[in-house]
Amino acid sequence: MSRPTIEIKEISTPFTADAIESLQAGDVVSLSGIVYTARDQAHKRLCRALEAGEDLPVDLRGQTLYYAGPAPPPPGAVIGSIGPTTSARMDPFTPLLLEYGVRAMIGKGNRSAATRAAIAATGSIYLTATGGAAAYLSQFIVEAAVVAYDDLGPEAVRRLELKGMPLVVGIDSQGRSALWPDCL
């Protein structure tokens, strides 16, 4: 018995509109390029700055946010374990960040109806990473540096360079979900 073949789409950041439109819910991608980590506290600060009309400490327009906070790197490593956190915790902040210009997000789990609508309205995309695979996912990061909110420790905003990180399109630019098609 032969196994089904899965097509893996090789994609690089920053995402172009054409690249985002070409991806459908359920597609498997191999992502390379620059992404930025941001978790709960960083999201709160970013949105407060936007609401106050202030510049962000790093320009995230056209960029990808990875909902992750890494462990300290072991000797000789670029970064420690760095798995996705639950994306729903970022939902209160996501519509504003997408309106600002964030193009893609990486996390795990379901998103709210409002977030799915914001993804569709802005032509953005939500990618999912495998939860519980933080040590495995760290091997796809070739560079890492804190670029904002250093005082947040693991939740600081980091600039990461990825090389071939395996992800699945959880919600495509039309708001279709591969993971939870019948909910919300």
C-alpha atoms as a PDB file:
ATOM      1  CA  MET A   1       0.000   0.000   0.000  1.00  0.00           C
ATOM      2  CA  SER A   2       1.466   3.361  -0.961  1.00  0.00           C
ATOM      3  CA  ARG A   3       1.299   6.398   1.241  1.00  0.00           C
ATOM      4  CA  PRO A   4      -0.328   9.577  -0.018  1.00  0.00           C
ATOM      5  CA  THR A   5       2.059  12.253  -1.205  1.00  0.00           C
ATOM      6  CA  ILE A   6       1.847  15.594   0.531  1.00  0.00           C
ATOM      7  CA  GLU A   7       2.843  18.631  -1.484  1.00  0.00           C
ATOM      8  CA  ILE A   8       5.000  20.983   0.563  1.00  0.00           C
ATOM      9  CA  LYS A   9       4.986  24.584  -0.636  1.00  0.00           C
ATOM     10  CA  GLU A  10       8.256  26.424  -0.081  1.00  0.00           C
ATOM     11  CA  ILE A  11       7.466  29.983   0.973  1.00  0.00           C
ATOM     12  CA  SER A  12       9.674  32.885   2.048  1.00  0.00           C
ATOM     13  CA  THR A  13       8.914  35.981   4.068  1.00  0.00           C
ATOM     14  CA  PRO A  14       8.007  38.710   3.748  1.00  0.00           C
ATOM     15  CA  PHE A  15       4.809  37.322   2.261  1.00  0.00           C
ATOM     16  CA  THR A  16       3.618  38.856  -0.970  1.00  0.00           C
ATOM     17  CA  ALA A  17      -0.107  39.218  -1.629  1.00  0.00           C
ATOM     18  CA  ASP A  18       0.239  36.602  -4.398  1.00  0.00           C
ATOM     19  CA  ALA A  19       1.925  34.121  -2.044  1.00  0.00           C
ATOM     20  CA  ILE A  20      -0.791  34.557   0.574  1.00  0.00           C
ATOM     21  CA  GLU A  21      -3.570  34.215  -2.000  1.00  0.00           C
ATOM     22  CA  SER A  22      -1.984  31.028  -3.361  1.00  0.00           C
ATOM     23  CA  LEU A  23      -2.218  29.289   0.006  1.00  0.00           C
ATOM     24  CA  GLN A  24      -5.341  27.396   0.977  1.00  0.00           C
ATOM     25  CA  ALA A  25      -6.454  26.152   4.371  1.00  0.00           C
ATOM     26  CA  GLY A  26      -4.737  22.824   4.980  1.00  0.00           C
ATOM     27  CA  ASP A  27      -1.696  23.469   2.773  1.00  0.00           C
ATOM     28  CA  VAL A  28       1.635  22.356   4.201  1.00  0.00           C
ATOM     29  CA  VAL A  29       4.409  24.923   3.900  1.00  0.00           C
ATOM     30  CA  SER A  30       8.124  25.098   4.511  1.00  0.00           C
ATOM     31  CA  LEU A  31       8.737  28.665   5.689  1.00  0.00           C
ATOM     32  CA  SER A  32      12.031  30.519   5.407  1.00  0.00           C
ATOM     33  CA  GLY A  33      12.877  34.155   6.083  1.00  0.00           C
ATOM     34  CA  ILE A  34      12.359  36.674   8.865  1.00  0.00           C
ATOM     35  CA  VAL A  35       9.613  36.433  11.498  1.00  0.00           C
ATOM     36  CA  TYR A  36       9.156  38.209  14.839  1.00  0.00           C
ATOM     37  CA  THR A  37       8.161  36.602  18.123  1.00  0.00           C
ATOM     38  CA  ALA A  38       5.449  38.265  20.162  1.00  0.00           C
ATOM     39  CA  ARG A  39       3.405  36.859  23.009  1.00  0.00           C
ATOM     40  CA  ASP A  40       0.758  38.272  25.345  1.00  0.00           C
ATOM     41  CA  GLN A  41       2.685  41.078  27.034  1.00  0.00           C
ATOM     42  CA  ALA A  42       4.386  42.211  23.831  1.00  0.00           C
ATOM     43  CA  HIS A  43       1.004  42.281  22.077  1.00  0.00           C
ATOM     44  CA  LYS A  44      -0.405  44.416  24.869  1.00  0.00           C
ATOM     45  CA  ARG A  45       2.453  46.925  24.544  1.00  0.00           C
ATOM     46  CA  LEU A  46       2.337  46.995  20.753  1.00  0.00           C
ATOM     47  CA  CYS A  47      -1.388  47.720  20.753  1.00  0.00           C
ATOM     48  CA  ARG A  48      -1.105  50.376  23.462  1.00  0.00           C
ATOM     49  CA  ALA A  49       1.505  52.138  21.322  1.00  0.00           C
ATOM     50  CA  LEU A  50      -0.679  51.953  18.213  1.00  0.00           C
ATOM     51  CA  GLU A  51      -3.724  53.204  20.112  1.00  0.00           C
ATOM     52  CA  ALA A  52      -1.649  56.138  21.445  1.00  0.00           C
ATOM     53  CA  GLY A  53      -0.501  57.005  17.909  1.00  0.00           C
ATOM     54  CA  GLU A  54       3.104  56.107  18.715  1.00  0.00           C
ATOM     55  CA  ASP A  55       5.608  54.376  16.464  1.00  0.00           C
ATOM     56  CA  LEU A  56       6.289  50.757  17.258  1.00  0.00           C
ATOM     57  CA  PRO A  57       9.827  49.846  18.378  1.00  0.00           C
ATOM     58  CA  VAL A  58      10.072  47.653  15.263  1.00  0.00           C
ATOM     59  CA  ASP A  59       8.131  48.143  12.038  1.00  0.00           C
ATOM     60  CA  LEU A  60       5.907  45.084  11.726  1.00  0.00           C
ATOM     61  CA  ARG A  61       4.080  46.151   8.563  1.00  0.00           C
ATOM     62  CA  GLY A  62       4.265  43.309   6.071  1.00  0.00           C
ATOM     63  CA  GLN A  63       5.803  40.994   8.660  1.00  0.00           C
ATOM     64  CA  THR A  64       4.962  37.671  10.312  1.00  0.00           C
ATOM     65  CA  LEU A  65       4.421  37.232  14.054  1.00  0.00           C
ATOM     66  CA  TYR A  66       5.301  33.928  15.721  1.00  0.00           C
ATOM     67  CA  TYR A  67       3.455  33.483  19.005  1.00  0.00           C
ATOM     68  CA  ALA A  68       6.390  32.037  20.919  1.00  0.00           C
ATOM     69  CA  GLY A  69       8.765  32.732  23.774  1.00  0.00           C
ATOM     70  CA  PRO A  70      11.979  30.741  23.601  1.00  0.00           C
ATOM     71  CA  ALA A  71      13.858  28.980  26.342  1.00  0.00           C
ATOM     72  CA  PRO A  72      17.473  30.113  26.844  1.00  0.00           C
ATOM     73  CA  PRO A  73      19.798  28.630  24.240  1.00  0.00           C
ATOM     74  CA  PRO A  74      21.993  25.722  25.267  1.00  0.00           C
ATOM     75  CA  PRO A  75      25.745  26.185  24.691  1.00  0.00           C
ATOM     76  CA  GLY A  76      26.504  26.561  21.005  1.00  0.00           C
ATOM     77  CA  ALA A  77      22.847  26.885  19.959  1.00  0.00           C
ATOM     78  CA  VAL A  78      21.139  29.866  18.329  1.00  0.00           C
ATOM     79  CA  ILE A  79      18.027  29.523  20.470  1.00  0.00           C
ATOM     80  CA  GLY A  80      16.438  27.209  23.009  1.00  0.00           C
ATOM     81  CA  SER A  81      13.192  25.309  22.596  1.00  0.00           C
ATOM     82  CA  ILE A  82      10.638  27.545  20.917  1.00  0.00           C
ATOM     83  CA  GLY A  83       7.190  26.143  20.365  1.00  0.00           C
ATOM     84  CA  PRO A  84       3.991  28.006  19.549  1.00  0.00           C
ATOM     85  CA  THR A  85       1.754  29.317  22.294  1.00  0.00           C
ATOM     86  CA  THR A  86      -2.042  29.265  22.225  1.00  0.00           C
ATOM     87  CA  SER A  87      -3.071  31.805  19.620  1.00  0.00           C
ATOM     88  CA  ALA A  88      -6.503  32.578  21.060  1.00  0.00           C
ATOM     89  CA  ARG A  89      -4.810  34.612  23.804  1.00  0.00           C
ATOM     90  CA  MET A  90      -3.677  37.069  21.099  1.00  0.00           C
ATOM     91  CA  ASP A  91      -7.160  37.390  19.568  1.00  0.00           C
ATOM     92  CA  PRO A  92      -8.084  40.602  21.445  1.00  0.00           C
ATOM     93  CA  PHE A  93      -5.043  42.291  19.838  1.00  0.00           C
ATOM     94  CA  THR A  94      -5.006  40.661  16.406  1.00  0.00           C
ATOM     95  CA  PRO A  95      -7.513  42.809  14.471  1.00  0.00           C
ATOM     96  CA  LEU A  96      -5.598  46.011  15.337  1.00  0.00           C
ATOM     97  CA  LEU A  97      -2.234  44.485  14.404  1.00  0.00           C
ATOM     98  CA  LEU A  98      -3.614  43.170  11.114  1.00  0.00           C
ATOM     99  CA  GLU A  99      -5.090  46.585  10.358  1.00  0.00           C
ATOM    100  CA  TYR A 100      -1.658  48.081  11.111  1.00  0.00           C
ATOM    101  CA  GLY A 101      -0.144  45.775   8.496  1.00  0.00           C
ATOM    102  CA  VAL A 102       0.978  42.471  10.008  1.00  0.00           C
ATOM    103  CA  ARG A 103       0.543  39.940   7.168  1.00  0.00           C
ATOM    104  CA  ALA A 104       0.853  36.549   8.830  1.00  0.00           C
ATOM    105  CA  MET A 105       0.779  34.832  12.213  1.00  0.00           C
ATOM    106  CA  ILE A 106       2.159  31.519  13.451  1.00  0.00           C
ATOM    107  CA  GLY A 107       0.736  29.806  16.510  1.00  0.00           C
ATOM    108  CA  LYS A 108      -1.367  26.876  17.619  1.00  0.00           C
ATOM    109  CA  GLY A 109      -5.043  26.356  18.178  1.00  0.00           C
ATOM    110  CA  ASN A 110      -8.292  27.917  17.110  1.00  0.00           C
ATOM    111  CA  ARG A 111      -8.994  31.603  16.505  1.00  0.00           C
ATOM    112  CA  SER A 112     -12.115  33.588  17.329  1.00  0.00           C
ATOM    113  CA  ALA A 113     -14.764  34.522  14.785  1.00  0.00           C
ATOM    114  CA  ALA A 114     -13.603  38.168  15.000  1.00  0.00           C
ATOM    115  CA  THR A 115     -10.023  37.158  14.260  1.00  0.00           C
ATOM    116  CA  ARG A 116     -11.067  34.970  11.339  1.00  0.00           C
ATOM    117  CA  ALA A 117     -13.052  37.890   9.961  1.00  0.00           C
ATOM    118  CA  ALA A 118     -10.053  40.225  10.401  1.00  0.00           C
ATOM    119  CA  ILE A 119      -7.803  37.731   8.592  1.00  0.00           C
ATOM    120  CA  ALA A 120     -10.221  37.637   5.654  1.00  0.00           C
ATOM    121  CA  ALA A 121     -10.767  41.420   5.658  1.00  0.00           C
ATOM    122  CA  THR A 122      -7.039  42.150   5.522  1.00  0.00           C
ATOM    123  CA  GLY A 123      -6.004  39.294   3.224  1.00  0.00           C
ATOM    124  CA  SER A 124      -3.707  37.902   5.909  1.00  0.00           C
ATOM    125  CA  ILE A 125      -2.960  34.319   6.884  1.00  0.00           C
ATOM    126  CA  TYR A 126      -2.677  32.165  10.008  1.00  0.00           C
ATOM    127  CA  LEU A 127      -0.171  29.329  10.033  1.00  0.00           C
ATOM    128  CA  THR A 128      -0.057  26.607  12.652  1.00  0.00           C
ATOM    129  CA  ALA A 129       2.985  24.936  14.144  1.00  0.00           C
ATOM    130  CA  THR A 130       2.937  21.634  15.973  1.00  0.00           C
ATOM    131  CA  GLY A 131       2.366  22.072  19.688  1.00  0.00           C
ATOM    132  CA  GLY A 132       4.619  20.051  21.958  1.00  0.00           C
ATOM    133  CA  ALA A 133       7.467  20.124  19.444  1.00  0.00           C
ATOM    134  CA  ALA A 134       9.421  23.124  20.769  1.00  0.00           C
ATOM    135  CA  ALA A 135      12.834  21.421  20.734  1.00  0.00           C
ATOM    136  CA  TYR A 136      12.216  20.137  17.199  1.00  0.00           C
ATOM    137  CA  LEU A 137      11.085  23.555  15.922  1.00  0.00           C
ATOM    138  CA  SER A 138      14.217  25.261  17.271  1.00  0.00           C
ATOM    139  CA  GLN A 139      16.340  23.540  14.612  1.00  0.00           C
ATOM    140  CA  PHE A 140      14.666  25.643  11.905  1.00  0.00           C
ATOM    141  CA  ILE A 141      15.904  28.921  13.425  1.00  0.00           C
ATOM    142  CA  VAL A 142      19.284  30.025  12.116  1.00  0.00           C
ATOM    143  CA  GLU A 143      19.470  33.492  13.746  1.00  0.00           C
ATOM    144  CA  ALA A 144      17.794  35.133  16.726  1.00  0.00           C
ATOM    145  CA  ALA A 145      18.087  38.574  18.313  1.00  0.00           C
ATOM    146  CA  VAL A 146      15.979  40.635  20.731  1.00  0.00           C
ATOM    147  CA  VAL A 147      14.691  43.762  18.955  1.00  0.00           C
ATOM    148  CA  ALA A 148      12.169  45.181  21.458  1.00  0.00           C
ATOM    149  CA  TYR A 149      10.944  44.929  25.048  1.00  0.00           C
ATOM    150  CA  ASP A 150      14.052  43.193  26.398  1.00  0.00           C
ATOM    151  CA  ASP A 151      12.624  43.563  29.914  1.00  0.00           C
ATOM    152  CA  LEU A 152       9.974  40.946  29.056  1.00  0.00           C
ATOM    153  CA  GLY A 153      12.564  38.156  29.039  1.00  0.00           C
ATOM    154  CA  PRO A 154      11.222  35.201  27.027  1.00  0.00           C
ATOM    155  CA  GLU A 155       8.304  37.382  25.888  1.00  0.00           C
ATOM    156  CA  ALA A 156      10.579  40.044  24.369  1.00  0.00           C
ATOM    157  CA  VAL A 157      10.120  40.651  20.654  1.00  0.00           C
ATOM    158  CA  ARG A 158      12.784  38.729  18.773  1.00  0.00           C
ATOM    159  CA  ARG A 159      13.776  38.816  15.124  1.00  0.00           C
ATOM    160  CA  LEU A 160      14.210  35.242  13.927  1.00  0.00           C
ATOM    161  CA  GLU A 161      15.522  33.931  10.659  1.00  0.00           C
ATOM    162  CA  LEU A 162      13.849  30.656   9.722  1.00  0.00           C
ATOM    163  CA  LYS A 163      15.022  28.040   7.276  1.00  0.00           C
ATOM    164  CA  GLY A 164      12.386  25.526   6.215  1.00  0.00           C
ATOM    165  CA  MET A 165      10.095  25.520   9.268  1.00  0.00           C
ATOM    166  CA  PRO A 166       7.219  23.076   8.649  1.00  0.00           C
ATOM    167  CA  LEU A 167       3.794  24.690   9.121  1.00  0.00           C
ATOM    168  CA  VAL A 168       0.180  24.177   8.071  1.00  0.00           C
ATOM    169  CA  VAL A 169      -2.162  26.894   6.811  1.00  0.00           C
ATOM    170  CA  GLY A 170      -4.730  27.015   9.615  1.00  0.00           C
ATOM    171  CA  ILE A 171      -6.784  29.916   8.248  1.00  0.00           C
ATOM    172  CA  ASP A 172      -6.317  31.178   4.713  1.00  0.00           C
ATOM    173  CA  SER A 173      -6.807  34.706   3.381  1.00  0.00           C
ATOM    174  CA  GLN A 174     -10.473  33.987   2.711  1.00  0.00           C
ATOM    175  CA  GLY A 175     -11.066  33.108   6.371  1.00  0.00           C
ATOM    176  CA  ARG A 176     -11.438  29.382   5.684  1.00  0.00           C
ATOM    177  CA  SER A 177     -10.165  27.101   8.437  1.00  0.00           C
ATOM    178  CA  ALA A 178      -8.647  23.697   7.790  1.00  0.00           C
ATOM    179  CA  LEU A 179      -8.633  22.827  11.447  1.00  0.00           C
ATOM    180  CA  TRP A 180     -12.096  23.781  12.629  1.00  0.00           C
ATOM    181  CA  PRO A 181     -14.254  24.197   9.523  1.00  0.00           C
ATOM    182  CA  ASP A 182     -17.583  23.762  11.276  1.00  0.00           C
ATOM    183  CA  CYS A 183     -17.037  25.931  14.336  1.00  0.00           C
ATOM    184  CA  LEU A 184     -17.347  29.664  14.771  1.00  0.00           C
END
